[in-house]
Amino acid sequence: MDRKGEIGMYQEYTKMTFEEEQRIIIAGHYHAPDTYASKRPYGRKDWLMIYTLGGEGYASTPNMNVICRTGDMTLLKPGIPHHYGTRKGEIWHMVWAHFSDQRMEPHLLPHHEIHQQPIENESARHRIYSAFERMITDSTEGGPYAQELCYNALREILMLLAQRGMQKLDARVEETLFLLSQHIRDPLKVDVIARKVGLSPSRLSHLFKENTGCSMIEMLNQMRIRQAALLLKHTDRSAFEVSQDVGFHNYNHFINQFRKLIHMTPSAYREQDPL
């Protein structure tokens, strides 16, 4: 296909029906001074999601008022009169997205006029901001799959919010879980993790057990065994190779941990559902 044909195809994809326009995601990135305000006496037909990166903003409906601070995720429901803007003396640094609920699973959407959820740990903040960046880029660039990519990023954010709402973990424990999953093959170094989350090793160990019901080494072994079970089920790697893949350097210890959590040996587990 020549260049003219490619441009023609691209333009064809960018033509939208009215119904399709109602389902489009629009996203942006603002540094808004304290003169910034938006009043919508009849609300909008779509959702508004705002993630505050710095400074402070506010959002109000007839029944709710919230302050938007660093790390806060704020969602405004469709059809509700609202007013939002930058607080006096502040510069509101935020990313935002308007989206329709027509393509989103209902259980991922909140029920309140304003839903606000603080994101306290750094790994979750980074992941959410990264998803927003992808939405902003794809919604601006356009193209045949731009809106699908936007909805994938949006769905990721909403699922992270839903997951966090269900877990109710201390932010430092959440960060510890992230670090354990990122370094599943490495030996556990409680002092290093404790330093990264801003706690003493003893305080982190106590807080982790209090939040999860198990120690960090027990949680790490659970992560390793869950991954090992997936590898045994879906690859042709030997049990010994799998044990090395997930961070066990003693094969007998791997077998003992696998039997403890899965209630059978690795070979028996693989035989019950061979490739």
C-alpha atoms as a PDB file:
ATOM      1  CA  MET A   1       0.000   0.000   0.000  1.00  0.00           C
ATOM      2  CA  ASP A   2       1.383   3.453  -0.912  1.00  0.00           C
ATOM      3  CA  ARG A   3       1.571   6.407   1.473  1.00  0.00           C
ATOM      4  CA  LYS A   4      -1.636   7.974   0.120  1.00  0.00           C
ATOM      5  CA  GLY A   5      -3.477   4.713   0.751  1.00  0.00           C
ATOM      6  CA  GLU A   6      -2.181   4.527   4.340  1.00  0.00           C
ATOM      7  CA  ILE A   7      -3.322   8.094   5.017  1.00  0.00           C
ATOM      8  CA  GLY A   8      -6.741   7.354   3.542  1.00  0.00           C
ATOM      9  CA  MET A   9      -7.132   4.264   5.724  1.00  0.00           C
ATOM     10  CA  TYR A  10      -6.078   6.227   8.807  1.00  0.00           C
ATOM     11  CA  GLN A  11      -8.608   8.983   8.053  1.00  0.00           C
ATOM     12  CA  GLU A  12     -11.329   6.386   7.586  1.00  0.00           C
ATOM     13  CA  TYR A  13     -10.586   4.978  11.031  1.00  0.00           C
ATOM     14  CA  THR A  14     -10.791   8.439  12.591  1.00  0.00           C
ATOM     15  CA  LYS A  15     -14.343   9.036  11.315  1.00  0.00           C
ATOM     16  CA  MET A  16     -16.745   8.309  14.166  1.00  0.00           C
ATOM     17  CA  THR A  17     -20.476   7.978  14.489  1.00  0.00           C
ATOM     18  CA  PHE A  18     -22.226   9.967  17.220  1.00  0.00           C
ATOM     19  CA  GLU A  19     -22.565   6.804  19.299  1.00  0.00           C
ATOM     20  CA  GLU A  20     -18.846   6.095  18.983  1.00  0.00           C
ATOM     21  CA  GLU A  21     -18.018   9.656  20.018  1.00  0.00           C
ATOM     22  CA  GLN A  22     -19.956   9.125  23.247  1.00  0.00           C
ATOM     23  CA  ARG A  23     -17.591   6.268  24.115  1.00  0.00           C
ATOM     24  CA  ILE A  24     -14.326   8.031  23.387  1.00  0.00           C
ATOM     25  CA  ILE A  25     -11.675   8.577  26.060  1.00  0.00           C
ATOM     26  CA  ILE A  26     -10.178  12.053  26.310  1.00  0.00           C
ATOM     27  CA  ALA A  27      -7.162  12.464  28.602  1.00  0.00           C
ATOM     28  CA  GLY A  28      -4.779  15.254  29.513  1.00  0.00           C
ATOM     29  CA  HIS A  29      -2.069  16.563  31.845  1.00  0.00           C
ATOM     30  CA  TYR A  30      -2.488  19.955  33.583  1.00  0.00           C
ATOM     31  CA  HIS A  31      -0.510  22.327  35.782  1.00  0.00           C
ATOM     32  CA  ALA A  32      -3.508  24.459  36.747  1.00  0.00           C
ATOM     33  CA  PRO A  33      -3.162  27.761  38.694  1.00  0.00           C
ATOM     34  CA  ASP A  34      -5.683  28.819  41.327  1.00  0.00           C
ATOM     35  CA  THR A  35      -7.744  30.637  38.708  1.00  0.00           C
ATOM     36  CA  TYR A  36      -8.669  27.262  37.227  1.00  0.00           C
ATOM     37  CA  ALA A  37     -12.251  26.131  37.873  1.00  0.00           C
ATOM     38  CA  SER A  38     -14.944  24.221  36.039  1.00  0.00           C
ATOM     39  CA  LYS A  39     -18.648  24.436  36.924  1.00  0.00           C
ATOM     40  CA  ARG A  40     -21.094  22.004  35.387  1.00  0.00           C
ATOM     41  CA  PRO A  41     -24.599  22.618  36.791  1.00  0.00           C
ATOM     42  CA  TYR A  42     -25.983  19.600  34.918  1.00  0.00           C
ATOM     43  CA  GLY A  43     -22.957  17.361  35.166  1.00  0.00           C
ATOM     44  CA  ARG A  44     -21.703  15.398  32.174  1.00  0.00           C
ATOM     45  CA  LYS A  45     -22.741  12.229  30.403  1.00  0.00           C
ATOM     46  CA  ASP A  46     -19.359  10.631  31.059  1.00  0.00           C
ATOM     47  CA  TRP A  47     -17.114   9.924  34.058  1.00  0.00           C
ATOM     48  CA  LEU A  48     -14.257  12.212  35.076  1.00  0.00           C
ATOM     49  CA  MET A  49     -11.168  10.664  36.656  1.00  0.00           C
ATOM     50  CA  ILE A  50      -8.510  12.954  38.161  1.00  0.00           C
ATOM     51  CA  TYR A  51      -5.201  11.765  39.616  1.00  0.00           C
ATOM     52  CA  THR A  52      -3.382  14.441  41.630  1.00  0.00           C
ATOM     53  CA  LEU A  53       0.402  14.521  41.189  1.00  0.00           C
ATOM     54  CA  GLY A  54       1.078  17.648  43.247  1.00  0.00           C
ATOM     55  CA  GLY A  55      -0.497  20.754  44.730  1.00  0.00           C
ATOM     56  CA  GLU A  56      -4.160  20.711  45.723  1.00  0.00           C
ATOM     57  CA  GLY A  57      -7.530  20.874  44.025  1.00  0.00           C
ATOM     58  CA  TYR A  58     -11.109  20.413  45.117  1.00  0.00           C
ATOM     59  CA  ALA A  59     -14.279  18.763  43.820  1.00  0.00           C
ATOM     60  CA  SER A  60     -17.855  19.364  44.937  1.00  0.00           C
ATOM     61  CA  THR A  61     -21.315  17.973  44.238  1.00  0.00           C
ATOM     62  CA  PRO A  62     -24.599  18.890  45.964  1.00  0.00           C
ATOM     63  CA  ASN A  63     -23.910  16.236  48.624  1.00  0.00           C
ATOM     64  CA  MET A  64     -20.137  15.835  48.769  1.00  0.00           C
ATOM     65  CA  ASN A  65     -16.957  17.916  48.969  1.00  0.00           C
ATOM     66  CA  VAL A  66     -13.382  16.632  48.770  1.00  0.00           C
ATOM     67  CA  ILE A  67      -9.866  18.070  48.699  1.00  0.00           C
ATOM     68  CA  CYS A  68      -7.589  16.507  46.075  1.00  0.00           C
ATOM     69  CA  ARG A  69      -4.041  16.060  47.382  1.00  0.00           C
ATOM     70  CA  THR A  70      -0.922  14.339  46.051  1.00  0.00           C
ATOM     71  CA  GLY A  71      -1.642  10.673  45.377  1.00  0.00           C
ATOM     72  CA  ASP A  72      -5.429  11.040  45.494  1.00  0.00           C
ATOM     73  CA  MET A  73      -7.546   9.417  42.787  1.00  0.00           C
ATOM     74  CA  THR A  74     -10.878  11.208  42.374  1.00  0.00           C
ATOM     75  CA  LEU A  75     -13.807  10.048  40.231  1.00  0.00           C
ATOM     76  CA  LEU A  76     -16.914  12.121  39.481  1.00  0.00           C
ATOM     77  CA  LYS A  77     -20.040  10.230  38.496  1.00  0.00           C
ATOM     78  CA  PRO A  78     -21.993  11.086  35.310  1.00  0.00           C
ATOM     79  CA  GLY A  79     -25.198  13.125  35.524  1.00  0.00           C
ATOM     80  CA  ILE A  80     -24.332  14.817  38.829  1.00  0.00           C
ATOM     81  CA  PRO A  81     -23.944  18.633  39.023  1.00  0.00           C
ATOM     82  CA  HIS A  82     -20.345  19.335  40.020  1.00  0.00           C
ATOM     83  CA  HIS A  83     -17.720  21.991  40.457  1.00  0.00           C
ATOM     84  CA  TYR A  84     -13.967  21.458  40.645  1.00  0.00           C
ATOM     85  CA  GLY A  85     -10.806  23.499  40.437  1.00  0.00           C
ATOM     86  CA  THR A  86      -7.506  24.519  42.033  1.00  0.00           C
ATOM     87  CA  ARG A  87      -7.422  25.580  45.671  1.00  0.00           C
ATOM     88  CA  LYS A  88      -6.451  29.148  46.488  1.00  0.00           C
ATOM     89  CA  GLY A  89      -2.695  29.707  46.484  1.00  0.00           C
ATOM     90  CA  GLU A  90      -1.984  26.296  44.901  1.00  0.00           C
ATOM     91  CA  ILE A  91      -0.972  24.949  41.516  1.00  0.00           C
ATOM     92  CA  TRP A  92      -2.880  21.739  40.840  1.00  0.00           C
ATOM     93  CA  HIS A  93      -0.678  19.253  39.006  1.00  0.00           C
ATOM     94  CA  MET A  94      -2.862  16.425  37.769  1.00  0.00           C
ATOM     95  CA  VAL A  95      -3.689  14.021  34.980  1.00  0.00           C
ATOM     96  CA  TRP A  96      -7.296  13.425  33.994  1.00  0.00           C
ATOM     97  CA  ALA A  97      -9.540  11.384  31.735  1.00  0.00           C
ATOM     98  CA  HIS A  98     -13.167  11.558  30.604  1.00  0.00           C
ATOM     99  CA  PHE A  99     -14.651   8.161  29.756  1.00  0.00           C
ATOM    100  CA  SER A 100     -17.979   6.468  29.149  1.00  0.00           C
ATOM    101  CA  ASP A 101     -19.207   3.583  31.284  1.00  0.00           C
ATOM    102  CA  GLN A 102     -20.699   1.839  28.228  1.00  0.00           C
ATOM    103  CA  ARG A 103     -17.542  -0.235  27.712  1.00  0.00           C
ATOM    104  CA  MET A 104     -16.563  -0.689  31.355  1.00  0.00           C
ATOM    105  CA  GLU A 105     -17.530  -3.495  33.726  1.00  0.00           C
ATOM    106  CA  PRO A 106     -20.040  -2.084  36.270  1.00  0.00           C
ATOM    107  CA  HIS A 107     -18.322  -3.701  39.257  1.00  0.00           C
ATOM    108  CA  LEU A 108     -15.196  -1.619  38.581  1.00  0.00           C
ATOM    109  CA  LEU A 109     -17.084   1.675  38.908  1.00  0.00           C
ATOM    110  CA  PRO A 110     -17.887   3.309  42.274  1.00  0.00           C
ATOM    111  CA  HIS A 111     -21.399   4.254  43.375  1.00  0.00           C
ATOM    112  CA  HIS A 112     -20.831   7.576  45.168  1.00  0.00           C
ATOM    113  CA  GLU A 113     -21.194  10.976  43.507  1.00  0.00           C
ATOM    114  CA  ILE A 114     -17.504  11.508  44.246  1.00  0.00           C
ATOM    115  CA  HIS A 115     -15.204   8.585  44.887  1.00  0.00           C
ATOM    116  CA  GLN A 116     -11.803   9.431  46.316  1.00  0.00           C
ATOM    117  CA  GLN A 117      -9.078   6.905  47.019  1.00  0.00           C
ATOM    118  CA  PRO A 118      -5.574   7.801  48.235  1.00  0.00           C
ATOM    119  CA  ILE A 119      -2.695   5.938  46.577  1.00  0.00           C
ATOM    120  CA  GLU A 120       0.032   5.863  49.195  1.00  0.00           C
ATOM    121  CA  ASN A 121       2.746   3.491  48.025  1.00  0.00           C
ATOM    122  CA  GLU A 122       5.207   4.500  45.324  1.00  0.00           C
ATOM    123  CA  SER A 123       4.957   1.407  43.098  1.00  0.00           C
ATOM    124  CA  ALA A 124       1.163   1.796  42.751  1.00  0.00           C
ATOM    125  CA  ARG A 125       1.535   5.527  42.074  1.00  0.00           C
ATOM    126  CA  HIS A 126       4.097   4.843  39.360  1.00  0.00           C
ATOM    127  CA  ARG A 127       1.922   2.175  37.758  1.00  0.00           C
ATOM    128  CA  ILE A 128      -1.166   4.395  37.702  1.00  0.00           C
ATOM    129  CA  TYR A 129       0.738   7.369  36.313  1.00  0.00           C
ATOM    130  CA  SER A 130       2.273   5.143  33.627  1.00  0.00           C
ATOM    131  CA  ALA A 131      -1.225   4.018  32.589  1.00  0.00           C
ATOM    132  CA  PHE A 132      -2.353   7.657  32.426  1.00  0.00           C
ATOM    133  CA  GLU A 133       0.635   8.529  30.243  1.00  0.00           C
ATOM    134  CA  ARG A 134      -0.334   5.776  27.819  1.00  0.00           C
ATOM    135  CA  MET A 135      -3.933   7.026  27.744  1.00  0.00           C
ATOM    136  CA  ILE A 136      -2.825  10.591  27.058  1.00  0.00           C
ATOM    137  CA  THR A 137      -0.450   9.504  24.293  1.00  0.00           C
ATOM    138  CA  ASP A 138      -2.918   7.175  22.587  1.00  0.00           C
ATOM    139  CA  SER A 139      -5.911   9.520  22.847  1.00  0.00           C
ATOM    140  CA  THR A 140      -3.807  12.342  21.354  1.00  0.00           C
ATOM    141  CA  GLU A 141      -2.087  10.309  18.643  1.00  0.00           C
ATOM    142  CA  GLY A 142      -5.234   8.521  17.449  1.00  0.00           C
ATOM    143  CA  GLY A 143      -5.151   5.613  15.025  1.00  0.00           C
ATOM    144  CA  PRO A 144      -7.114   2.393  14.395  1.00  0.00           C
ATOM    145  CA  TYR A 145      -6.610   0.954  17.892  1.00  0.00           C
ATOM    146  CA  ALA A 146      -6.091   4.151  19.898  1.00  0.00           C
ATOM    147  CA  GLN A 147      -9.348   3.935  21.863  1.00  0.00           C
ATOM    148  CA  GLU A 148      -8.903   0.219  22.581  1.00  0.00           C
ATOM    149  CA  LEU A 149      -5.452   0.987  23.977  1.00  0.00           C
ATOM    150  CA  CYS A 150      -6.920   3.815  26.046  1.00  0.00           C
ATOM    151  CA  TYR A 151      -9.603   1.556  27.493  1.00  0.00           C
ATOM    152  CA  ASN A 152      -7.005  -1.098  28.322  1.00  0.00           C
ATOM    153  CA  ALA A 153      -5.013   1.473  30.316  1.00  0.00           C
ATOM    154  CA  LEU A 154      -8.182   2.791  31.971  1.00  0.00           C
ATOM    155  CA  ARG A 155      -9.307  -0.717  32.898  1.00  0.00           C
ATOM    156  CA  GLU A 156      -5.890  -1.358  34.462  1.00  0.00           C
ATOM    157  CA  ILE A 157      -6.291   1.715  36.673  1.00  0.00           C
ATOM    158  CA  LEU A 158      -9.826   0.778  37.743  1.00  0.00           C
ATOM    159  CA  MET A 159      -8.786  -2.797  38.531  1.00  0.00           C
ATOM    160  CA  LEU A 160      -5.858  -1.531  40.633  1.00  0.00           C
ATOM    161  CA  LEU A 161      -8.264   0.704  42.553  1.00  0.00           C
ATOM    162  CA  ALA A 162     -10.708  -2.162  43.069  1.00  0.00           C
ATOM    163  CA  GLN A 163      -7.922  -4.481  44.216  1.00  0.00           C
ATOM    164  CA  ARG A 164      -6.599  -1.924  46.676  1.00  0.00           C
ATOM    165  CA  GLY A 165     -10.105  -1.338  47.983  1.00  0.00           C
ATOM    166  CA  MET A 166     -10.459  -5.047  48.719  1.00  0.00           C
ATOM    167  CA  GLN A 167      -7.029  -5.570  50.311  1.00  0.00           C
ATOM    168  CA  LYS A 168      -6.965  -2.705  52.855  1.00  0.00           C
ATOM    169  CA  LEU A 169      -3.244  -3.156  53.487  1.00  0.00           C
ATOM    170  CA  ASP A 170      -0.829  -0.676  54.988  1.00  0.00           C
ATOM    171  CA  ALA A 171       0.927   1.184  52.161  1.00  0.00           C
ATOM    172  CA  ARG A 172       4.344   0.001  53.381  1.00  0.00           C
ATOM    173  CA  VAL A 173       3.174  -3.608  53.331  1.00  0.00           C
ATOM    174  CA  GLU A 174       1.843  -3.096  49.790  1.00  0.00           C
ATOM    175  CA  GLU A 175       5.255  -1.764  48.771  1.00  0.00           C
ATOM    176  CA  THR A 176       6.949  -4.741  50.439  1.00  0.00           C
ATOM    177  CA  LEU A 177       4.741  -7.166  48.493  1.00  0.00           C
ATOM    178  CA  PHE A 178       5.667  -5.372  45.287  1.00  0.00           C
ATOM    179  CA  LEU A 179       9.385  -5.582  46.112  1.00  0.00           C
ATOM    180  CA  LEU A 180       9.104  -9.285  46.950  1.00  0.00           C
ATOM    181  CA  SER A 181       7.371  -9.998  43.633  1.00  0.00           C
ATOM    182  CA  GLN A 182       9.963  -7.967  41.730  1.00  0.00           C
ATOM    183  CA  HIS A 183      12.853  -9.860  43.306  1.00  0.00           C
ATOM    184  CA  ILE A 184      11.308 -13.291  43.646  1.00  0.00           C
ATOM    185  CA  ARG A 185      14.551 -15.072  42.664  1.00  0.00           C
ATOM    186  CA  ASP A 186      16.771 -13.128  45.074  1.00  0.00           C
ATOM    187  CA  PRO A 187      17.540 -14.049  48.686  1.00  0.00           C
ATOM    188  CA  LEU A 188      15.298 -12.226  51.135  1.00  0.00           C
ATOM    189  CA  LYS A 189      17.013  -9.162  52.635  1.00  0.00           C
ATOM    190  CA  VAL A 190      14.658  -7.715  55.223  1.00  0.00           C
ATOM    191  CA  ASP A 191      17.023  -4.864  56.117  1.00  0.00           C
ATOM    192  CA  VAL A 192      17.188  -3.680  52.487  1.00  0.00           C
ATOM    193  CA  ILE A 193      13.400  -3.789  52.056  1.00  0.00           C
ATOM    194  CA  ALA A 194      12.862  -2.093  55.416  1.00  0.00           C
ATOM    195  CA  ARG A 195      15.156   0.742  54.388  1.00  0.00           C
ATOM    196  CA  LYS A 196      13.252   1.209  51.119  1.00  0.00           C
ATOM    197  CA  VAL A 197       9.875   1.460  52.865  1.00  0.00           C
ATOM    198  CA  GLY A 198      11.180   3.648  55.713  1.00  0.00           C
ATOM    199  CA  LEU A 199      10.884   1.244  58.645  1.00  0.00           C
ATOM    200  CA  SER A 200      13.204  -0.690  60.909  1.00  0.00           C
ATOM    201  CA  PRO A 201      13.503  -4.423  60.064  1.00  0.00           C
ATOM    202  CA  SER A 202      11.744  -5.429  63.289  1.00  0.00           C
ATOM    203  CA  ARG A 203       8.873  -2.946  62.774  1.00  0.00           C
ATOM    204  CA  LEU A 204       8.404  -4.034  59.161  1.00  0.00           C
ATOM    205  CA  SER A 205       8.380  -7.706  60.132  1.00  0.00           C
ATOM    206  CA  HIS A 206       5.736  -7.071  62.789  1.00  0.00           C
ATOM    207  CA  LEU A 207       3.598  -4.888  60.506  1.00  0.00           C
ATOM    208  CA  PHE A 208       3.823  -7.371  57.634  1.00  0.00           C
ATOM    209  CA  LYS A 209       2.706 -10.288  59.832  1.00  0.00           C
ATOM    210  CA  GLU A 210      -0.097  -8.165  61.280  1.00  0.00           C
ATOM    211  CA  ASN A 211      -1.397  -7.245  57.790  1.00  0.00           C
ATOM    212  CA  THR A 212      -0.959 -10.528  55.923  1.00  0.00           C
ATOM    213  CA  GLY A 213      -1.006 -13.212  58.602  1.00  0.00           C
ATOM    214  CA  CYS A 214       2.390 -14.610  57.600  1.00  0.00           C
ATOM    215  CA  SER A 215       6.052 -13.662  57.674  1.00  0.00           C
ATOM    216  CA  MET A 216       7.918 -12.194  54.713  1.00  0.00           C
ATOM    217  CA  ILE A 217       9.795 -15.434  54.025  1.00  0.00           C
ATOM    218  CA  GLU A 218       6.512 -17.370  54.138  1.00  0.00           C
ATOM    219  CA  MET A 219       4.946 -14.920  51.671  1.00  0.00           C
ATOM    220  CA  LEU A 220       8.001 -15.077  49.399  1.00  0.00           C
ATOM    221  CA  ASN A 221       7.848 -18.878  49.399  1.00  0.00           C
ATOM    222  CA  GLN A 222       4.122 -18.733  48.550  1.00  0.00           C
ATOM    223  CA  MET A 223       4.874 -16.443  45.599  1.00  0.00           C
ATOM    224  CA  ARG A 224       7.640 -18.753  44.427  1.00  0.00           C
ATOM    225  CA  ILE A 225       5.510 -21.888  44.691  1.00  0.00           C
ATOM    226  CA  ARG A 226       2.555 -20.280  42.893  1.00  0.00           C
ATOM    227  CA  GLN A 227       4.887 -19.318  40.051  1.00  0.00           C
ATOM    228  CA  ALA A 228       6.468 -22.765  40.069  1.00  0.00           C
ATOM    229  CA  ALA A 229       3.042 -24.415  39.764  1.00  0.00           C
ATOM    230  CA  LEU A 230       2.257 -22.269  36.707  1.00  0.00           C
ATOM    231  CA  LEU A 231       5.586 -23.145  35.096  1.00  0.00           C
ATOM    232  CA  LEU A 232       5.092 -26.863  35.746  1.00  0.00           C
ATOM    233  CA  LYS A 233       1.614 -26.714  34.252  1.00  0.00           C
ATOM    234  CA  HIS A 234       2.329 -24.594  31.198  1.00  0.00           C
ATOM    235  CA  THR A 235       5.950 -25.290  30.218  1.00  0.00           C
ATOM    236  CA  ASP A 236       8.123 -28.347  29.672  1.00  0.00           C
ATOM    237  CA  ARG A 237      10.780 -27.171  32.134  1.00  0.00           C
ATOM    238  CA  SER A 238      11.941 -29.887  34.525  1.00  0.00           C
ATOM    239  CA  ALA A 239      11.019 -29.580  38.207  1.00  0.00           C
ATOM    240  CA  PHE A 240      14.668 -28.857  39.021  1.00  0.00           C
ATOM    241  CA  GLU A 241      14.838 -26.100  36.375  1.00  0.00           C
ATOM    242  CA  VAL A 242      11.592 -24.621  37.684  1.00  0.00           C
ATOM    243  CA  SER A 243      12.954 -24.585  41.233  1.00  0.00           C
ATOM    244  CA  GLN A 244      15.932 -22.546  40.003  1.00  0.00           C
ATOM    245  CA  ASP A 245      13.682 -20.264  37.946  1.00  0.00           C
ATOM    246  CA  VAL A 246      11.682 -19.178  40.988  1.00  0.00           C
ATOM    247  CA  GLY A 247      14.601 -18.709  43.361  1.00  0.00           C
ATOM    248  CA  PHE A 248      15.049 -22.005  45.225  1.00  0.00           C
ATOM    249  CA  HIS A 249      18.702 -22.989  45.281  1.00  0.00           C
ATOM    250  CA  ASN A 250      18.108 -26.131  47.343  1.00  0.00           C
ATOM    251  CA  TYR A 251      15.983 -28.625  45.411  1.00  0.00           C
ATOM    252  CA  ASN A 252      14.907 -30.603  48.478  1.00  0.00           C
ATOM    253  CA  HIS A 253      13.722 -27.393  50.133  1.00  0.00           C
ATOM    254  CA  PHE A 254      11.716 -26.610  46.986  1.00  0.00           C
ATOM    255  CA  ILE A 255      10.034 -30.032  47.098  1.00  0.00           C
ATOM    256  CA  ASN A 256       9.207 -29.608  50.799  1.00  0.00           C
ATOM    257  CA  GLN A 257       7.720 -26.148  50.264  1.00  0.00           C
ATOM    258  CA  PHE A 258       5.762 -27.327  47.224  1.00  0.00           C
ATOM    259  CA  ARG A 259       4.293 -30.263  49.159  1.00  0.00           C
ATOM    260  CA  LYS A 260       3.465 -27.956  52.083  1.00  0.00           C
ATOM    261  CA  LEU A 261       1.479 -25.508  49.924  1.00  0.00           C
ATOM    262  CA  ILE A 262       0.150 -27.665  47.064  1.00  0.00           C
ATOM    263  CA  HIS A 263      -0.147 -30.902  49.088  1.00  0.00           C
ATOM    264  CA  MET A 264       1.678 -33.024  46.512  1.00  0.00           C
ATOM    265  CA  THR A 265       5.105 -33.274  44.922  1.00  0.00           C
ATOM    266  CA  PRO A 266       5.978 -31.272  41.795  1.00  0.00           C
ATOM    267  CA  SER A 267       6.035 -34.444  39.681  1.00  0.00           C
ATOM    268  CA  ALA A 268       2.612 -35.552  40.945  1.00  0.00           C
ATOM    269  CA  TYR A 269       1.226 -32.066  40.266  1.00  0.00           C
ATOM    270  CA  ARG A 270       2.456 -32.170  36.678  1.00  0.00           C
ATOM    271  CA  GLU A 271       1.143 -35.700  36.080  1.00  0.00           C
ATOM    272  CA  GLN A 272      -2.410 -34.748  37.065  1.00  0.00           C
ATOM    273  CA  ASP A 273      -2.562 -32.291  34.155  1.00  0.00           C
ATOM    274  CA  PRO A 274       0.209 -33.109  31.633  1.00  0.00           C
ATOM    275  CA  LEU A 275       1.049 -30.824  28.714  1.00  0.00           C
END
